[in-house]
């Protein structure tokens, strides 16, 4: 990563569950870290699956994203170093389940995460990437993530009706650009659970690229049993089976994003 490059914050979001959102958060974070990018994964999903998938047992989660949003605990004390080099986590527990209700009464309810990430102790960490694993809904937690982020990465399962529901997410991004985060953009649409032998998957890809153009990333994440198995071993697929198709795909995704961001930084310097 270029030393002059600012922290890049990406919200990983789709209001539909079961599309590979948390799998993408875990493995993209691991792939970026493997490439030498100092990476922080914020688990903003009350299910806490991203935390579990990186080996953080519930009993060990002293502070969580709930504390990041609602308490005076220093952000640096909430960050947990994972067992994987260059990869840190702010974990979640079911305590976060009540966050949406509590956020309703807060005067800056959509800016709490942004404010937390602007704390000096987080800035001093000089993360290259902050990835935010959002809940599977367009609730106030997800809105907080989008307000705090520069871009939104949208995992999209290669199945019938895949493109339905994207319009609401796109509308939310557009509204937030106008009201709370003028620089927010779509990082890309990531096709997941892709089976190239399946005619339907091929049709979904063709429809997505035909409708959304270059917004659809070149990398596609295949259906892969190793991807499904890795969380039960509390590690990214890159560590569980480094040569698997899933691991290779997430390395390709990290490379694609790094190349894109390097180009953006270079163009900004010109």
Protein backbone atom coordinates (compact mmCIF):
# COMPACT_ATOMS: atom_id res chain seq x y z
CA UNK A 1 0.00 0.00 0.00
CA UNK A 2 1.27 3.50 -0.78
CA UNK A 3 2.19 5.31 2.44
CA UNK A 4 0.35 8.42 1.28
CA UNK A 5 -2.91 6.59 0.61
CA UNK A 6 -5.67 7.38 3.12
CA UNK A 7 -7.63 4.69 4.91
CA UNK A 8 -10.23 3.23 2.57
CA UNK A 9 -13.47 2.28 4.32
CA UNK A 10 -15.82 -0.14 2.56
CA UNK A 11 -19.26 -1.22 3.79
CA UNK A 12 -20.20 -4.73 2.64
CA UNK A 13 -23.96 -4.69 2.37
CA UNK A 14 -27.01 -6.36 0.92
CA UNK A 15 -30.39 -6.31 2.63
CA UNK A 16 -30.94 -9.88 1.46
CA UNK A 17 -29.38 -12.55 3.66
CA UNK A 18 -27.55 -15.65 2.46
CA UNK A 19 -25.69 -13.94 -0.39
CA UNK A 20 -22.16 -14.44 0.94
CA UNK A 21 -21.87 -11.06 2.67
CA UNK A 22 -20.05 -12.23 5.81
CA UNK A 23 -18.03 -14.78 3.84
CA UNK A 24 -16.87 -11.90 1.65
CA UNK A 25 -16.09 -9.68 4.64
CA UNK A 26 -13.93 -12.36 6.28
CA UNK A 27 -12.08 -13.51 3.20
CA UNK A 28 -11.60 -10.15 1.50
CA UNK A 29 -10.16 -8.82 4.78
CA UNK A 30 -7.84 -11.83 4.97
CA UNK A 31 -6.79 -11.47 1.32
CA UNK A 32 -6.03 -7.75 1.72
CA UNK A 33 -4.05 -8.48 4.90
CA UNK A 34 -2.16 -11.23 3.09
CA UNK A 35 -1.14 -8.66 0.47
CA UNK A 36 0.33 -6.49 3.22
CA UNK A 37 -2.57 -4.07 3.70
CA UNK A 38 -3.18 -3.30 7.38
CA UNK A 39 -6.85 -4.18 7.66
CA UNK A 40 -9.60 -3.71 10.25
CA UNK A 41 -12.83 -5.70 9.99
CA UNK A 42 -15.76 -4.18 11.89
CA UNK A 43 -18.48 -6.72 12.66
CA UNK A 44 -21.71 -4.69 12.58
CA UNK A 45 -24.00 -7.73 12.35
CA UNK A 46 -25.58 -8.76 15.69
CA UNK A 47 -25.11 -12.40 14.70
CA UNK A 48 -21.37 -11.86 15.12
CA UNK A 49 -20.50 -14.42 12.46
CA UNK A 50 -17.55 -12.48 11.08
CA UNK A 51 -16.04 -12.41 14.57
CA UNK A 52 -16.55 -16.16 15.00
CA UNK A 53 -15.18 -16.83 11.53
CA UNK A 54 -11.92 -15.15 12.51
CA UNK A 55 -11.52 -17.22 15.67
CA UNK A 56 -12.85 -14.81 18.31
CA UNK A 57 -14.86 -16.79 20.86
CA UNK A 58 -17.88 -14.99 22.31
CA UNK A 59 -16.49 -15.20 25.86
CA UNK A 60 -13.35 -13.34 24.75
CA UNK A 61 -15.22 -10.36 23.29
CA UNK A 62 -14.79 -7.93 26.19
CA UNK A 63 -15.71 -4.89 24.13
CA UNK A 64 -17.70 -4.89 20.91
CA UNK A 65 -19.16 -2.66 18.23
CA UNK A 66 -21.96 -1.91 20.70
CA UNK A 67 -19.34 -0.22 22.91
CA UNK A 68 -17.88 1.54 19.88
CA UNK A 69 -21.27 3.12 19.18
CA UNK A 70 -22.68 3.72 22.64
CA UNK A 71 -19.95 3.82 25.31
CA UNK A 72 -16.95 5.96 26.20
CA UNK A 73 -14.50 3.05 25.82
CA UNK A 74 -11.51 4.10 23.71
CA UNK A 75 -11.77 2.70 20.20
CA UNK A 76 -8.23 1.36 20.44
CA UNK A 77 -9.28 -0.78 23.42
CA UNK A 78 -12.08 -2.34 21.36
CA UNK A 79 -9.84 -3.36 18.46
CA UNK A 80 -8.72 -7.00 18.78
CA UNK A 81 -5.67 -8.36 16.98
CA UNK A 82 -6.65 -11.54 15.18
CA UNK A 83 -4.43 -14.59 14.82
CA UNK A 84 -3.75 -13.49 11.24
CA UNK A 85 -1.03 -11.00 10.36
CA UNK A 86 -2.16 -7.45 9.46
CA UNK A 87 -5.78 -8.25 10.37
CA UNK A 88 -7.63 -6.74 13.34
CA UNK A 89 -11.29 -6.99 14.33
CA UNK A 90 -13.90 -5.03 16.22
CA UNK A 91 -16.16 -7.93 17.17
CA UNK A 92 -19.92 -8.09 17.67
CA UNK A 93 -22.27 -10.00 19.96
CA UNK A 94 -26.05 -10.20 20.26
CA UNK A 95 -25.86 -7.04 22.42
CA UNK A 96 -25.98 -5.24 19.08
CA UNK A 97 -29.51 -6.53 18.48
CA UNK A 98 -31.00 -3.64 20.46
CA UNK A 99 -28.85 -1.03 18.72
CA UNK A 100 -31.46 -0.02 16.16
CA UNK A 101 -33.94 0.89 18.89
CA UNK A 102 -31.32 2.78 20.89
CA UNK A 103 -30.12 4.63 17.82
CA UNK A 104 -33.60 6.06 17.24
CA UNK A 105 -33.30 8.34 20.27
CA UNK A 106 -29.81 9.64 19.43
CA UNK A 107 -29.51 13.13 17.89
CA UNK A 108 -26.71 12.07 15.48
CA UNK A 109 -28.00 8.56 15.07
CA UNK A 110 -26.69 8.03 11.52
CA UNK A 111 -23.23 9.47 12.28
CA UNK A 112 -22.22 7.50 15.39
CA UNK A 113 -19.95 5.04 13.57
CA UNK A 114 -18.37 7.82 11.50
CA UNK A 115 -17.67 9.79 14.69
CA UNK A 116 -16.18 6.70 16.37
CA UNK A 117 -13.84 5.99 13.46
CA UNK A 118 -12.62 9.58 13.51
CA UNK A 119 -11.21 9.12 17.03
CA UNK A 120 -7.51 9.87 17.13
CA UNK A 121 -6.60 6.40 18.42
CA UNK A 122 -8.20 4.78 15.37
CA UNK A 123 -6.50 7.25 13.01
CA UNK A 124 -3.15 6.55 14.68
CA UNK A 125 -3.50 2.88 13.77
CA UNK A 126 -3.13 3.95 10.11
CA UNK A 127 -5.25 1.15 8.71
CA UNK A 128 -5.07 0.79 4.94
CA UNK A 129 -8.54 -0.75 4.84
CA UNK A 130 -11.55 -0.77 7.14
CA UNK A 131 -14.22 -3.27 6.05
CA UNK A 132 -17.66 -3.18 7.68
CA UNK A 133 -19.80 -6.33 7.69
CA UNK A 134 -23.37 -4.97 7.74
CA UNK A 135 -26.54 -6.68 8.96
CA UNK A 136 -28.76 -8.23 6.23
CA UNK A 137 -31.16 -5.25 6.23
CA UNK A 138 -31.21 -1.55 5.43
CA UNK A 139 -31.56 -0.57 9.09
CA UNK A 140 -29.86 2.19 11.08
CA UNK A 141 -26.74 0.07 11.61
CA UNK A 142 -26.32 -0.33 7.85
CA UNK A 143 -27.01 3.38 7.34
CA UNK A 144 -24.28 4.14 9.92
CA UNK A 145 -21.88 1.95 7.96
CA UNK A 146 -22.68 3.70 4.68
CA UNK A 147 -22.29 7.15 6.23
CA UNK A 148 -18.89 6.13 7.64
CA UNK A 149 -17.70 4.48 4.41
CA UNK A 150 -16.35 5.75 1.11
CA UNK A 151 -18.00 2.96 -0.83
CA UNK A 152 -20.37 0.01 -0.68
CA UNK A 153 -19.46 -3.47 -1.92
CA UNK A 154 -22.58 -5.46 -2.77
CA UNK A 155 -22.39 -9.29 -2.84
CA UNK A 156 -25.02 -10.62 -5.25
CA UNK A 157 -25.89 -14.29 -5.39
CA UNK A 158 -26.05 -15.69 -8.91
CA UNK A 159 -29.65 -16.89 -8.69
CA UNK A 160 -33.14 -16.07 -10.01
CA UNK A 161 -34.45 -12.73 -8.68
CA UNK A 162 -30.85 -11.73 -7.84
CA UNK A 163 -31.25 -8.21 -9.22
CA UNK A 164 -34.52 -7.62 -7.37
CA UNK A 165 -33.94 -5.62 -4.23
CA UNK A 166 -30.83 -3.92 -5.60
CA UNK A 167 -32.92 -0.91 -6.56
CA UNK A 168 -33.73 -0.15 -2.92
CA UNK A 169 -30.07 -0.35 -1.94
CA UNK A 170 -29.06 1.89 -4.85
CA UNK A 171 -31.77 4.37 -3.86
CA UNK A 172 -30.48 4.39 -0.27
CA UNK A 173 -26.94 5.09 -1.51
CA UNK A 174 -28.25 7.93 -3.70
CA UNK A 175 -30.21 9.46 -0.80
CA UNK A 176 -27.19 9.28 1.52
CA UNK A 177 -25.05 11.00 -1.11
CA UNK A 178 -27.51 13.89 -1.04
CA UNK A 179 -27.98 14.08 2.73
CA UNK A 180 -25.08 12.63 4.73
CA UNK A 181 -22.12 11.36 2.67
CA UNK A 182 -21.55 13.15 -0.61
CA UNK A 183 -18.57 10.95 -1.53
CA UNK A 184 -20.33 7.60 -1.13
CA UNK A 185 -20.26 5.37 -4.19
CA UNK A 186 -20.79 1.76 -5.18
CA UNK A 187 -17.45 -0.06 -4.91
CA UNK A 188 -18.82 -2.82 -7.09
CA UNK A 189 -21.32 -5.63 -7.44
CA UNK A 190 -19.70 -8.95 -6.56
CA UNK A 191 -21.30 -12.09 -8.03
CA UNK A 192 -21.14 -14.87 -5.43
CA UNK A 193 -21.94 -18.59 -5.32
CA UNK A 194 -21.33 -18.67 -9.05
CA UNK A 195 -21.48 -22.01 -10.87
CA UNK A 196 -20.32 -21.59 -14.46
CA UNK A 197 -21.86 -24.96 -15.41
CA UNK A 198 -25.29 -23.63 -14.53
CA UNK A 199 -27.20 -21.91 -17.35
CA UNK A 200 -29.16 -19.80 -14.84
CA UNK A 201 -25.97 -18.50 -13.23
CA UNK A 202 -24.63 -17.57 -16.67
CA UNK A 203 -27.88 -15.75 -17.44
CA UNK A 204 -27.74 -13.87 -14.13
CA UNK A 205 -24.19 -12.78 -14.93
CA UNK A 206 -25.21 -11.65 -18.41
CA UNK A 207 -28.21 -9.73 -17.04
CA UNK A 208 -26.13 -8.12 -14.27
CA UNK A 209 -23.37 -7.00 -16.64
CA UNK A 210 -25.91 -5.88 -19.23
CA UNK A 211 -27.85 -3.83 -16.68
CA UNK A 212 -25.07 -2.56 -14.41
CA UNK A 213 -22.08 -2.54 -16.77
CA UNK A 214 -18.68 -1.90 -15.23
CA UNK A 215 -20.24 -1.71 -11.78
CA UNK A 216 -20.10 -5.53 -11.79
CA UNK A 217 -16.62 -6.62 -10.72
CA UNK A 218 -14.58 -8.88 -12.98
CA UNK A 219 -13.93 -11.31 -10.13
CA UNK A 220 -16.69 -13.79 -9.34
CA UNK A 221 -16.80 -15.99 -6.24
CA UNK A 222 -17.55 -19.64 -7.09
CA UNK A 223 -19.62 -22.13 -5.21
CA UNK A 224 -16.97 -23.91 -3.18
CA UNK A 225 -17.33 -26.39 -0.32
CA UNK A 226 -14.13 -25.11 1.29
CA UNK A 227 -15.70 -21.66 1.64
CA UNK A 228 -18.60 -23.26 3.52
CA UNK A 229 -16.32 -25.33 5.74
CA UNK A 230 -13.81 -22.64 6.74
CA UNK A 231 -16.01 -20.76 9.29
CA UNK A 232 -16.52 -23.92 11.35
CA UNK A 233 -12.73 -24.03 11.72
CA UNK A 234 -12.72 -20.34 12.75
CA UNK A 235 -10.45 -19.19 9.96
CA UNK A 236 -10.61 -17.61 6.50
CA UNK A 237 -10.59 -20.00 3.57
CA UNK A 238 -7.16 -18.61 2.63
CA UNK A 239 -5.79 -20.26 5.76
CA UNK A 240 -8.09 -23.28 5.81
CA UNK A 241 -7.34 -24.36 2.23
CA UNK A 242 -5.03 -21.90 0.53
CA UNK A 243 -5.24 -23.62 -2.87
CA UNK A 244 -9.04 -23.92 -2.99
CA UNK A 245 -11.07 -22.15 -5.68
CA UNK A 246 -12.64 -19.94 -3.01
CA UNK A 247 -9.25 -18.80 -1.71
CA UNK A 248 -8.01 -18.11 -5.22
CA UNK A 249 -11.14 -16.05 -6.00
CA UNK A 250 -10.82 -13.85 -2.92
CA UNK A 251 -7.15 -13.24 -3.69
CA UNK A 252 -8.24 -12.15 -7.17
CA UNK A 253 -10.87 -9.87 -5.65
CA UNK A 254 -8.30 -8.24 -3.35
CA UNK A 255 -5.95 -7.75 -6.31
CA UNK A 256 -8.75 -6.20 -8.40
CA UNK A 257 -9.67 -3.73 -5.65
CA UNK A 258 -6.06 -2.87 -4.83
CA UNK A 259 -5.37 -2.13 -8.50
CA UNK A 260 -8.50 0.02 -8.77
CA UNK A 261 -7.64 1.99 -5.63
CA UNK A 262 -4.02 2.45 -6.68
CA UNK A 263 -5.30 3.97 -9.91
CA UNK A 264 -7.64 6.30 -7.99
CA UNK A 265 -4.80 7.46 -5.72
CA UNK A 266 -2.52 8.01 -8.72
CA UNK A 267 -5.14 9.98 -10.63
CA UNK A 268 -5.84 12.07 -7.54
CA UNK A 269 -2.18 12.98 -7.29
CA UNK A 270 -1.95 14.18 -10.87
